[in-house]
């Protein structure tokens, strides 16, 4: 009888649920079944520089912040956390990429 080893991949804790695009100096965030949110350029810049949190405008008020490591861009909207890698946010704002992913944090 042959033995085998089964590897179970650990769940990442993130579920892809939206996208973000650049709109002038602002960042537009589209979250499936929730709505469209705007992060003004001034707020986005201060958050990416690590100067604190900022407000998100949309159908539900929210807050945007950096992770403790500085690699994650978190949006807390209506009691749910959403995230995107900081490098993808910067690439979208520079114009290197047209859109970036937004994931729900489980």
PDB file of N, CA and C in Angstrom:
ATOM      1  N   UNK A   1       0.851  -1.168   0.000  1.00  0.00           N
ATOM      2  CA  UNK A   1       0.000   0.000   0.000  1.00  0.00           C
ATOM      3  C   UNK A   1       0.904   1.241   0.000  1.00  0.00           C
ATOM      4  N   UNK A   2       0.640   2.167  -0.898  1.00  0.00           N
ATOM      5  CA  UNK A   2       1.445   3.389  -1.012  1.00  0.00           C
ATOM      6  C   UNK A   2       0.888   4.472  -0.084  1.00  0.00           C
ATOM      7  N   UNK A   3       1.821   5.185   0.526  1.00  0.00           N
ATOM      8  CA  UNK A   3       1.430   6.298   1.377  1.00  0.00           C
ATOM      9  C   UNK A   3       1.519   7.597   0.596  1.00  0.00           C
ATOM     10  N   UNK A   4       0.719   8.531   0.929  1.00  0.00           N
ATOM     11  CA  UNK A   4       0.795   9.839   0.278  1.00  0.00           C
ATOM     12  C   UNK A   4       0.626  10.928   1.318  1.00  0.00           C
ATOM     13  N   UNK A   5       1.117  12.108   0.972  1.00  0.00           N
ATOM     14  CA  UNK A   5       1.019  13.256   1.865  1.00  0.00           C
ATOM     15  C   UNK A   5       0.097  14.272   1.224  1.00  0.00           C
ATOM     16  N   UNK A   6      -0.879  14.690   1.965  1.00  0.00           N
ATOM     17  CA  UNK A   6      -1.817  15.689   1.462  1.00  0.00           C
ATOM     18  C   UNK A   6      -1.480  17.034   2.075  1.00  0.00           C
ATOM     19  N   UNK A   7      -1.252  18.017   1.221  1.00  0.00           N
ATOM     20  CA  UNK A   7      -0.976  19.373   1.698  1.00  0.00           C
ATOM     21  C   UNK A   7      -2.249  20.199   1.561  1.00  0.00           C
ATOM     22  N   UNK A   8      -2.608  20.845   2.622  1.00  0.00           N
ATOM     23  CA  UNK A   8      -3.774  21.708   2.590  1.00  0.00           C
ATOM     24  C   UNK A   8      -3.274  23.138   2.655  1.00  0.00           C
ATOM     25  N   UNK A   9      -3.626  23.908   1.660  1.00  0.00           N
ATOM     26  CA  UNK A   9      -3.188  25.293   1.599  1.00  0.00           C
ATOM     27  C   UNK A   9      -3.998  26.133   2.585  1.00  0.00           C
ATOM     28  N   UNK A  10      -3.289  26.894   3.383  1.00  0.00           N
ATOM     29  CA  UNK A  10      -3.959  27.745   4.365  1.00  0.00           C
ATOM     30  C   UNK A  10      -4.729  28.861   3.662  1.00  0.00           C
ATOM     31  N   UNK A  11      -5.890  29.182   4.203  1.00  0.00           N
ATOM     32  CA  UNK A  11      -6.713  30.254   3.660  1.00  0.00           C
ATOM     33  C   UNK A  11      -6.002  31.587   3.884  1.00  0.00           C
ATOM     34  N   UNK A  12      -5.980  32.433   2.869  1.00  0.00           N
ATOM     35  CA  UNK A  12      -5.243  33.692   2.970  1.00  0.00           C
ATOM     36  C   UNK A  12      -5.943  34.723   3.850  1.00  0.00           C
ATOM     37  N   UNK A  13      -7.241  34.592   4.048  1.00  0.00           N
ATOM     38  CA  UNK A  13      -7.960  35.562   4.865  1.00  0.00           C
ATOM     39  C   UNK A  13      -8.465  36.756   4.077  1.00  0.00           C
ATOM     40  N   UNK A  14      -8.249  36.751   2.752  1.00  0.00           N
ATOM     41  CA  UNK A  14      -8.698  37.842   1.891  1.00  0.00           C
ATOM     42  C   UNK A  14      -9.562  37.277   0.776  1.00  0.00           C
ATOM     43  N   UNK A  15     -10.638  38.000   0.453  1.00  0.00           N
ATOM     44  CA  UNK A  15     -11.540  37.588  -0.625  1.00  0.00           C
ATOM     45  C   UNK A  15     -11.693  38.759  -1.598  1.00  0.00           C
ATOM     46  N   UNK A  16     -11.286  38.565  -2.843  1.00  0.00           N
ATOM     47  CA  UNK A  16     -11.369  39.614  -3.854  1.00  0.00           C
ATOM     48  C   UNK A  16     -12.823  40.042  -4.031  1.00  0.00           C
ATOM     49  N   UNK A  17     -13.079  41.361  -3.916  1.00  0.00           N
ATOM     50  CA  UNK A  17     -14.478  41.816  -3.965  1.00  0.00           C
ATOM     51  C   UNK A  17     -14.644  43.158  -4.656  1.00  0.00           C
ATOM     52  N   UNK A  18     -13.593  43.710  -5.241  1.00  0.00           N
ATOM     53  CA  UNK A  18     -13.748  45.006  -5.890  1.00  0.00           C
ATOM     54  C   UNK A  18     -12.493  45.451  -6.597  1.00  0.00           C
ATOM     55  N   UNK A  19     -12.502  46.734  -7.003  1.00  0.00           N
ATOM     56  CA  UNK A  19     -11.358  47.290  -7.732  1.00  0.00           C
ATOM     57  C   UNK A  19     -11.265  48.779  -7.458  1.00  0.00           C
ATOM     58  N   UNK A  20     -10.115  49.333  -7.784  1.00  0.00           N
ATOM     59  CA  UNK A  20      -9.903  50.773  -7.613  1.00  0.00           C
ATOM     60  C   UNK A  20      -9.277  51.326  -8.878  1.00  0.00           C
ATOM     61  N   UNK A  21      -9.649  52.582  -9.192  1.00  0.00           N
ATOM     62  CA  UNK A  21      -9.081  53.277 -10.340  1.00  0.00           C
ATOM     63  C   UNK A  21      -8.767  54.720  -9.944  1.00  0.00           C
ATOM     64  N   UNK A  22      -7.946  55.345 -10.733  1.00  0.00           N
ATOM     65  CA  UNK A  22      -7.591  56.746 -10.501  1.00  0.00           C
ATOM     66  C   UNK A  22      -8.603  57.650 -11.199  1.00  0.00           C
ATOM     67  N   UNK A  23      -8.970  58.726 -10.530  1.00  0.00           N
ATOM     68  CA  UNK A  23      -9.853  59.727 -11.108  1.00  0.00           C
ATOM     69  C   UNK A  23      -9.251  61.097 -10.785  1.00  0.00           C
ATOM     70  N   UNK A  24      -8.361  61.576 -11.652  1.00  0.00           N
ATOM     71  CA  UNK A  24      -7.639  62.817 -11.383  1.00  0.00           C
ATOM     72  C   UNK A  24      -6.691  62.608 -10.225  1.00  0.00           C
ATOM     73  N   UNK A  25      -6.853  63.388  -9.168  1.00  0.00           N
ATOM     74  CA  UNK A  25      -6.024  63.236  -7.965  1.00  0.00           C
ATOM     75  C   UNK A  25      -6.658  62.286  -6.952  1.00  0.00           C
ATOM     76  N   UNK A  26      -7.873  61.849  -7.205  1.00  0.00           N
ATOM     77  CA  UNK A  26      -8.600  60.998  -6.250  1.00  0.00           C
ATOM     78  C   UNK A  26      -8.505  59.533  -6.644  1.00  0.00           C
ATOM     79  N   UNK A  27      -8.836  58.685  -5.683  1.00  0.00           N
ATOM     80  CA  UNK A  27      -8.894  57.253  -5.914  1.00  0.00           C
ATOM     81  C   UNK A  27     -10.345  56.827  -5.777  1.00  0.00           C
ATOM     82  N   UNK A  28     -10.896  56.188  -6.809  1.00  0.00           N
ATOM     83  CA  UNK A  28     -12.260  55.658  -6.765  1.00  0.00           C
ATOM     84  C   UNK A  28     -12.188  54.180  -6.434  1.00  0.00           C
ATOM     85  N   UNK A  29     -12.965  53.769  -5.447  1.00  0.00           N
ATOM     86  CA  UNK A  29     -12.980  52.382  -5.008  1.00  0.00           C
ATOM     87  C   UNK A  29     -14.386  51.830  -5.243  1.00  0.00           C
ATOM     88  N   UNK A  30     -14.462  50.743  -6.010  1.00  0.00           N
ATOM     89  CA  UNK A  30     -15.731  50.080  -6.302  1.00  0.00           C
ATOM     90  C   UNK A  30     -15.741  48.751  -5.561  1.00  0.00           C
ATOM     91  N   UNK A  31     -16.692  48.596  -4.633  1.00  0.00           N
ATOM     92  CA  UNK A  31     -16.814  47.356  -3.880  1.00  0.00           C
ATOM     93  C   UNK A  31     -18.127  46.703  -4.285  1.00  0.00           C
ATOM     94  N   UNK A  32     -18.034  45.472  -4.763  1.00  0.00           N
ATOM     95  CA  UNK A  32     -19.199  44.744  -5.244  1.00  0.00           C
ATOM     96  C   UNK A  32     -20.297  44.686  -4.184  1.00  0.00           C
ATOM     97  N   UNK A  33     -21.511  44.999  -4.595  1.00  0.00           N
ATOM     98  CA  UNK A  33     -22.725  44.955  -3.770  1.00  0.00           C
ATOM     99  C   UNK A  33     -22.707  45.926  -2.592  1.00  0.00           C
ATOM    100  N   UNK A  34     -21.727  46.849  -2.543  1.00  0.00           N
ATOM    101  CA  UNK A  34     -21.671  47.851  -1.478  1.00  0.00           C
ATOM    102  C   UNK A  34     -21.778  49.245  -2.062  1.00  0.00           C
ATOM    103  N   UNK A  35     -20.957  49.549  -3.082  1.00  0.00           N
ATOM    104  CA  UNK A  35     -21.037  50.849  -3.721  1.00  0.00           C
ATOM    105  C   UNK A  35     -19.706  51.414  -4.150  1.00  0.00           C
ATOM    106  N   UNK A  36     -19.756  52.695  -4.509  1.00  0.00           N
ATOM    107  CA  UNK A  36     -18.590  53.426  -5.005  1.00  0.00           C
ATOM    108  C   UNK A  36     -18.150  54.434  -3.951  1.00  0.00           C
ATOM    109  N   UNK A  37     -16.853  54.459  -3.679  1.00  0.00           N
ATOM    110  CA  UNK A  37     -16.297  55.330  -2.649  1.00  0.00           C
ATOM    111  C   UNK A  37     -15.182  56.180  -3.248  1.00  0.00           C
ATOM    112  N   UNK A  38     -15.027  57.391  -2.717  1.00  0.00           N
ATOM    113  CA  UNK A  38     -14.000  58.309  -3.189  1.00  0.00           C
ATOM    114  C   UNK A  38     -13.050  58.645  -2.059  1.00  0.00           C
ATOM    115  N   UNK A  39     -11.751  58.543  -2.366  1.00  0.00           N
ATOM    116  CA  UNK A  39     -10.716  58.969  -1.422  1.00  0.00           C
ATOM    117  C   UNK A  39     -10.019  60.155  -2.080  1.00  0.00           C
ATOM    118  N   UNK A  40     -10.226  61.376  -1.562  1.00  0.00           N
ATOM    119  CA  UNK A  40      -9.605  62.561  -2.159  1.00  0.00           C
ATOM    120  C   UNK A  40      -8.077  62.473  -2.119  1.00  0.00           C
ATOM    121  N   UNK A  41      -7.426  63.121  -3.087  1.00  0.00           N
ATOM    122  CA  UNK A  41      -5.976  63.080  -3.206  1.00  0.00           C
ATOM    123  C   UNK A  41      -5.237  63.540  -1.966  1.00  0.00           C
ATOM    124  N   UNK A  42      -5.737  64.579  -1.306  1.00  0.00           N
ATOM    125  CA  UNK A  42      -5.082  65.104  -0.104  1.00  0.00           C
ATOM    126  C   UNK A  42      -5.111  64.056   1.010  1.00  0.00           C
ATOM    127  N   UNK A  43      -6.240  63.399   1.184  1.00  0.00           N
ATOM    128  CA  UNK A  43      -6.388  62.361   2.203  1.00  0.00           C
ATOM    129  C   UNK A  43      -5.498  61.173   1.864  1.00  0.00           C
ATOM    130  N   UNK A  44      -5.512  60.774   0.601  1.00  0.00           N
ATOM    131  CA  UNK A  44      -4.716  59.637   0.146  1.00  0.00           C
ATOM    132  C   UNK A  44      -3.227  59.874   0.385  1.00  0.00           C
ATOM    133  N   UNK A  45      -2.754  61.072   0.054  1.00  0.00           N
ATOM    134  CA  UNK A  45      -1.341  61.401   0.243  1.00  0.00           C
ATOM    135  C   UNK A  45      -0.944  61.340   1.707  1.00  0.00           C
ATOM    136  N   UNK A  46      -1.760  61.914   2.579  1.00  0.00           N
ATOM    137  CA  UNK A  46      -1.407  61.912   4.007  1.00  0.00           C
ATOM    138  C   UNK A  46      -1.407  60.495   4.581  1.00  0.00           C
ATOM    139  N   UNK A  47      -2.337  59.653   4.139  1.00  0.00           N
ATOM    140  CA  UNK A  47      -2.382  58.277   4.629  1.00  0.00           C
ATOM    141  C   UNK A  47      -1.171  57.498   4.114  1.00  0.00           C
ATOM    142  N   UNK A  48      -0.846  57.640   2.826  1.00  0.00           N
ATOM    143  CA  UNK A  48       0.300  56.916   2.266  1.00  0.00           C
ATOM    144  C   UNK A  48       1.624  57.365   2.867  1.00  0.00           C
ATOM    145  N   UNK A  49       1.688  58.594   3.356  1.00  0.00           N
ATOM    146  CA  UNK A  49       2.888  59.079   4.032  1.00  0.00           C
ATOM    147  C   UNK A  49       2.947  58.626   5.488  1.00  0.00           C
ATOM    148  N   UNK A  50       1.889  57.981   5.956  1.00  0.00           N
ATOM    149  CA  UNK A  50       1.850  57.483   7.327  1.00  0.00           C
ATOM    150  C   UNK A  50       1.507  58.533   8.357  1.00  0.00           C
ATOM    151  N   UNK A  51       0.782  59.573   7.938  1.00  0.00           N
ATOM    152  CA  UNK A  51       0.449  60.675   8.838  1.00  0.00           C
ATOM    153  C   UNK A  51      -0.864  60.488   9.580  1.00  0.00           C
ATOM    154  N   UNK A  52      -1.489  59.335   9.460  1.00  0.00           N
ATOM    155  CA  UNK A  52      -2.737  59.082  10.178  1.00  0.00           C
ATOM    156  C   UNK A  52      -3.801  58.487   9.279  1.00  0.00           C
ATOM    157  N   UNK A  53      -5.043  58.619   9.722  1.00  0.00           N
ATOM    158  CA  UNK A  53      -6.178  58.075   8.989  1.00  0.00           C
ATOM    159  C   UNK A  53      -6.892  59.186   8.230  1.00  0.00           C
ATOM    160  N   UNK A  54      -7.798  58.789   7.337  1.00  0.00           N
ATOM    161  CA  UNK A  54      -8.586  59.755   6.583  1.00  0.00           C
ATOM    162  C   UNK A  54      -9.982  59.222   6.348  1.00  0.00           C
ATOM    163  N   UNK A  55     -10.881  60.101   5.962  1.00  0.00           N
ATOM    164  CA  UNK A  55     -12.273  59.725   5.721  1.00  0.00           C
ATOM    165  C   UNK A  55     -12.515  59.365   4.264  1.00  0.00           C
ATOM    166  N   UNK A  56     -13.413  58.407   4.069  1.00  0.00           N
ATOM    167  CA  UNK A  56     -13.843  57.975   2.738  1.00  0.00           C
ATOM    168  C   UNK A  56     -15.273  58.460   2.557  1.00  0.00           C
ATOM    169  N   UNK A  57     -15.583  59.014   1.391  1.00  0.00           N
ATOM    170  CA  UNK A  57     -16.964  59.423   1.138  1.00  0.00           C
ATOM    171  C   UNK A  57     -17.616  58.421   0.198  1.00  0.00           C
ATOM    172  N   UNK A  58     -18.871  58.139   0.455  1.00  0.00           N
ATOM    173  CA  UNK A  58     -19.621  57.191  -0.353  1.00  0.00           C
ATOM    174  C   UNK A  58     -20.967  56.944   0.282  1.00  0.00           C
ATOM    175  N   UNK A  59     -21.659  55.874  -0.129  1.00  0.00           N
ATOM    176  CA  UNK A  59     -22.970  55.588   0.433  1.00  0.00           C
ATOM    177  C   UNK A  59     -22.920  55.298   1.936  1.00  0.00           C
ATOM    178  N   UNK A  60     -21.771  54.827   2.415  1.00  0.00           N
ATOM    179  CA  UNK A  60     -21.540  54.571   3.836  1.00  0.00           C
ATOM    180  C   UNK A  60     -20.213  55.223   4.181  1.00  0.00           C
ATOM    181  N   UNK A  61     -20.168  55.950   5.297  1.00  0.00           N
ATOM    182  CA  UNK A  61     -18.914  56.594   5.709  1.00  0.00           C
ATOM    183  C   UNK A  61     -17.881  55.533   6.077  1.00  0.00           C
ATOM    184  N   UNK A  62     -16.623  55.874   5.837  1.00  0.00           N
ATOM    185  CA  UNK A  62     -15.556  54.943   6.166  1.00  0.00           C
ATOM    186  C   UNK A  62     -14.273  55.661   6.506  1.00  0.00           C
ATOM    187  N   UNK A  63     -13.288  54.877   6.931  1.00  0.00           N
ATOM    188  CA  UNK A  63     -11.981  55.386   7.309  1.00  0.00           C
ATOM    189  C   UNK A  63     -10.924  54.598   6.547  1.00  0.00           C
ATOM    190  N   UNK A  64      -9.892  55.287   6.102  1.00  0.00           N
ATOM    191  CA  UNK A  64      -8.778  54.644   5.408  1.00  0.00           C
ATOM    192  C   UNK A  64      -7.532  54.782   6.271  1.00  0.00           C
ATOM    193  N   UNK A  65      -6.698  53.729   6.283  1.00  0.00           N
ATOM    194  CA  UNK A  65      -5.490  53.717   7.111  1.00  0.00           C
ATOM    195  C   UNK A  65      -4.455  52.774   6.515  1.00  0.00           C
ATOM    196  N   UNK A  66      -3.224  52.886   7.005  1.00  0.00           N
ATOM    197  CA  UNK A  66      -2.167  51.952   6.638  1.00  0.00           C
ATOM    198  C   UNK A  66      -2.091  50.839   7.676  1.00  0.00           C
ATOM    199  N   UNK A  67      -1.579  49.686   7.268  1.00  0.00           N
ATOM    200  CA  UNK A  67      -1.337  48.615   8.229  1.00  0.00           C
ATOM    201  C   UNK A  67      -0.130  48.972   9.078  1.00  0.00           C
ATOM    202  N   UNK A  68       0.087  48.229  10.132  1.00  0.00           N
ATOM    203  CA  UNK A  68       1.226  48.490  11.011  1.00  0.00           C
ATOM    204  C   UNK A  68       2.545  48.320  10.284  1.00  0.00           C
ATOM    205  N   UNK A  69       2.604  47.390   9.321  1.00  0.00           N
ATOM    206  CA  UNK A  69       3.838  47.166   8.568  1.00  0.00           C
ATOM    207  C   UNK A  69       4.047  48.215   7.484  1.00  0.00           C
ATOM    208  N   UNK A  70       2.978  48.927   7.128  1.00  0.00           N
ATOM    209  CA  UNK A  70       3.061  49.919   6.063  1.00  0.00           C
ATOM    210  C   UNK A  70       2.903  49.336   4.671  1.00  0.00           C
ATOM    211  N   UNK A  71       2.609  48.035   4.570  1.00  0.00           N
ATOM    212  CA  UNK A  71       2.460  47.378   3.268  1.00  0.00           C
ATOM    213  C   UNK A  71       1.004  47.212   2.845  1.00  0.00           C
ATOM    214  N   UNK A  72       0.087  47.378   3.781  1.00  0.00           N
ATOM    215  CA  UNK A  72      -1.329  47.210   3.489  1.00  0.00           C
ATOM    216  C   UNK A  72      -2.084  48.515   3.594  1.00  0.00           C
ATOM    217  N   UNK A  73      -3.013  48.721   2.673  1.00  0.00           N
ATOM    218  CA  UNK A  73      -3.869  49.907   2.618  1.00  0.00           C
ATOM    219  C   UNK A  73      -5.261  49.432   2.995  1.00  0.00           C
ATOM    220  N   UNK A  74      -5.741  49.801   4.181  1.00  0.00           N
ATOM    221  CA  UNK A  74      -7.004  49.294   4.708  1.00  0.00           C
ATOM    222  C   UNK A  74      -8.100  50.350   4.657  1.00  0.00           C
ATOM    223  N   UNK A  75      -9.306  49.898   4.305  1.00  0.00           N
ATOM    224  CA  UNK A  75     -10.493  50.738   4.299  1.00  0.00           C
ATOM    225  C   UNK A  75     -11.524  50.071   5.196  1.00  0.00           C
ATOM    226  N   UNK A  76     -11.914  50.756   6.258  1.00  0.00           N
ATOM    227  CA  UNK A  76     -12.931  50.247   7.175  1.00  0.00           C
ATOM    228  C   UNK A  76     -14.240  50.940   6.841  1.00  0.00           C
ATOM    229  N   UNK A  77     -15.158  50.183   6.222  1.00  0.00           N
ATOM    230  CA  UNK A  77     -16.407  50.743   5.720  1.00  0.00           C
ATOM    231  C   UNK A  77     -17.571  49.935   6.270  1.00  0.00           C
ATOM    232  N   UNK A  78     -18.453  50.599   7.006  1.00  0.00           N
ATOM    233  CA  UNK A  78     -19.649  49.940   7.519  1.00  0.00           C
ATOM    234  C   UNK A  78     -19.363  48.716   8.368  1.00  0.00           C
ATOM    235  N   UNK A  79     -18.308  48.745   9.155  1.00  0.00           N
ATOM    236  CA  UNK A  79     -17.982  47.626  10.026  1.00  0.00           C
ATOM    237  C   UNK A  79     -17.235  46.485   9.360  1.00  0.00           C
ATOM    238  N   UNK A  80     -16.890  46.637   8.088  1.00  0.00           N
ATOM    239  CA  UNK A  80     -16.150  45.614   7.346  1.00  0.00           C
ATOM    240  C   UNK A  80     -14.829  46.213   6.895  1.00  0.00           C
ATOM    241  N   UNK A  81     -13.759  45.424   6.979  1.00  0.00           N
ATOM    242  CA  UNK A  81     -12.444  45.892   6.530  1.00  0.00           C
ATOM    243  C   UNK A  81     -12.151  45.383   5.131  1.00  0.00           C
ATOM    244  N   UNK A  82     -11.634  46.270   4.300  1.00  0.00           N
ATOM    245  CA  UNK A  82     -11.207  45.950   2.945  1.00  0.00           C
ATOM    246  C   UNK A  82      -9.740  46.345   2.836  1.00  0.00           C
ATOM    247  N   UNK A  83      -8.982  45.644   1.989  1.00  0.00           N
ATOM    248  CA  UNK A  83      -7.553  45.914   1.903  1.00  0.00           C
ATOM    249  C   UNK A  83      -7.052  45.836   0.467  1.00  0.00           C
ATOM    250  N   UNK A  84      -5.920  46.491   0.262  1.00  0.00           N
ATOM    251  CA  UNK A  84      -5.211  46.445  -1.006  1.00  0.00           C
ATOM    252  C   UNK A  84      -3.737  46.676  -0.696  1.00  0.00           C
ATOM    253  N   UNK A  85      -2.828  46.083  -1.459  1.00  0.00           N
ATOM    254  CA  UNK A  85      -1.404  46.349  -1.228  1.00  0.00           C
ATOM    255  C   UNK A  85      -1.065  47.809  -1.527  1.00  0.00           C
ATOM    256  N   UNK A  86      -0.258  48.419  -0.680  1.00  0.00           N
ATOM    257  CA  UNK A  86       0.133  49.820  -0.852  1.00  0.00           C
ATOM    258  C   UNK A  86       0.812  50.027  -2.205  1.00  0.00           C
ATOM    259  N   UNK A  87       1.632  49.079  -2.627  1.00  0.00           N
ATOM    260  CA  UNK A  87       2.330  49.227  -3.911  1.00  0.00           C
ATOM    261  C   UNK A  87       1.354  49.282  -5.081  1.00  0.00           C
ATOM    262  N   UNK A  88       0.250  48.566  -4.997  1.00  0.00           N
ATOM    263  CA  UNK A  88      -0.752  48.620  -6.070  1.00  0.00           C
ATOM    264  C   UNK A  88      -1.473  49.960  -6.069  1.00  0.00           C
ATOM    265  N   UNK A  89      -1.750  50.509  -4.871  1.00  0.00           N
ATOM    266  CA  UNK A  89      -2.371  51.830  -4.776  1.00  0.00           C
ATOM    267  C   UNK A  89      -1.449  52.867  -5.420  1.00  0.00           C
ATOM    268  N   UNK A  90      -0.174  52.814  -5.078  1.00  0.00           N
ATOM    269  CA  UNK A  90       0.786  53.768  -5.647  1.00  0.00           C
ATOM    270  C   UNK A  90       0.919  53.608  -7.160  1.00  0.00           C
ATOM    271  N   UNK A  91       0.914  52.358  -7.650  1.00  0.00           N
ATOM    272  CA  UNK A  91       1.022  52.115  -9.094  1.00  0.00           C
ATOM    273  C   UNK A  91      -0.187  52.675  -9.840  1.00  0.00           C
ATOM    274  N   UNK A  92      -1.371  52.536  -9.257  1.00  0.00           N
ATOM    275  CA  UNK A  92      -2.586  53.083  -9.881  1.00  0.00           C
ATOM    276  C   UNK A  92      -2.507  54.607  -9.898  1.00  0.00           C
ATOM    277  N   UNK A  93      -2.081  55.214  -8.807  1.00  0.00           N
ATOM    278  CA  UNK A  93      -2.022  56.679  -8.733  1.00  0.00           C
ATOM    279  C   UNK A  93      -0.924  57.255  -9.630  1.00  0.00           C
ATOM    280  N   UNK A  94       0.161  56.506  -9.841  1.00  0.00           N
ATOM    281  CA  UNK A  94       1.219  56.947 -10.769  1.00  0.00           C
ATOM    282  C   UNK A  94       0.800  56.794 -12.222  1.00  0.00           C
ATOM    283  N   UNK A  95      -0.166  55.925 -12.474  1.00  0.00           N
ATOM    284  CA  UNK A  95      -0.593  55.659 -13.837  1.00  0.00           C
ATOM    285  C   UNK A  95       0.111  54.458 -14.441  1.00  0.00           C
ATOM    286  N   UNK A  96       0.893  53.736 -13.639  1.00  0.00           N
ATOM    287  CA  UNK A  96       1.573  52.531 -14.129  1.00  0.00           C
ATOM    288  C   UNK A  96       0.587  51.400 -14.377  1.00  0.00           C
ATOM    289  N   UNK A  97      -0.483  51.359 -13.591  1.00  0.00           N
ATOM    290  CA  UNK A  97      -1.528  50.358 -13.764  1.00  0.00           C
ATOM    291  C   UNK A  97      -2.879  51.069 -13.812  1.00  0.00           C
ATOM    292  N   UNK A  98      -3.770  50.544 -14.623  1.00  0.00           N
ATOM    293  CA  UNK A  98      -5.072  51.174 -14.801  1.00  0.00           C
ATOM    294  C   UNK A  98      -6.008  50.926 -13.620  1.00  0.00           C
ATOM    295  N   UNK A  99      -5.913  49.737 -13.016  1.00  0.00           N
ATOM    296  CA  UNK A  99      -6.777  49.416 -11.883  1.00  0.00           C
ATOM    297  C   UNK A  99      -6.036  48.504 -10.919  1.00  0.00           C
ATOM    298  N   UNK A 100      -6.567  48.400  -9.701  1.00  0.00           N
ATOM    299  CA  UNK A 100      -5.967  47.551  -8.678  1.00  0.00           C
ATOM    300  C   UNK A 100      -7.043  46.789  -7.927  1.00  0.00           C
ATOM    301  N   UNK A 101      -6.660  45.717  -7.240  1.00  0.00           N
ATOM    302  CA  UNK A 101      -7.630  44.884  -6.532  1.00  0.00           C
ATOM    303  C   UNK A 101      -8.013  45.446  -5.167  1.00  0.00           C
ATOM    304  N   UNK A 102      -9.215  45.119  -4.754  1.00  0.00           N
ATOM    305  CA  UNK A 102      -9.689  45.411  -3.394  1.00  0.00           C
ATOM    306  C   UNK A 102     -10.236  44.092  -2.852  1.00  0.00           C
ATOM    307  N   UNK A 103      -9.787  43.724  -1.659  1.00  0.00           N
ATOM    308  CA  UNK A 103     -10.199  42.451  -1.052  1.00  0.00           C
ATOM    309  C   UNK A 103     -10.864  42.685   0.287  1.00  0.00           C
ATOM    310  N   UNK A 104     -11.841  41.838   0.587  1.00  0.00           N
ATOM    311  CA  UNK A 104     -12.513  41.862   1.886  1.00  0.00           C
ATOM    312  C   UNK A 104     -11.639  41.055   2.853  1.00  0.00           C
ATOM    313  N   UNK A 105     -11.426  41.590   4.038  1.00  0.00           N
ATOM    314  CA  UNK A 105     -10.645  40.904   5.066  1.00  0.00           C
ATOM    315  C   UNK A 105     -11.606  40.040   5.857  1.00  0.00           C
ATOM    316  N   UNK A 106     -11.340  38.738   5.921  1.00  0.00           N
ATOM    317  CA  UNK A 106     -12.229  37.818   6.653  1.00  0.00           C
ATOM    318  C   UNK A 106     -11.843  37.730   8.101  1.00  0.00           C
TER     319      UNK A 106
END
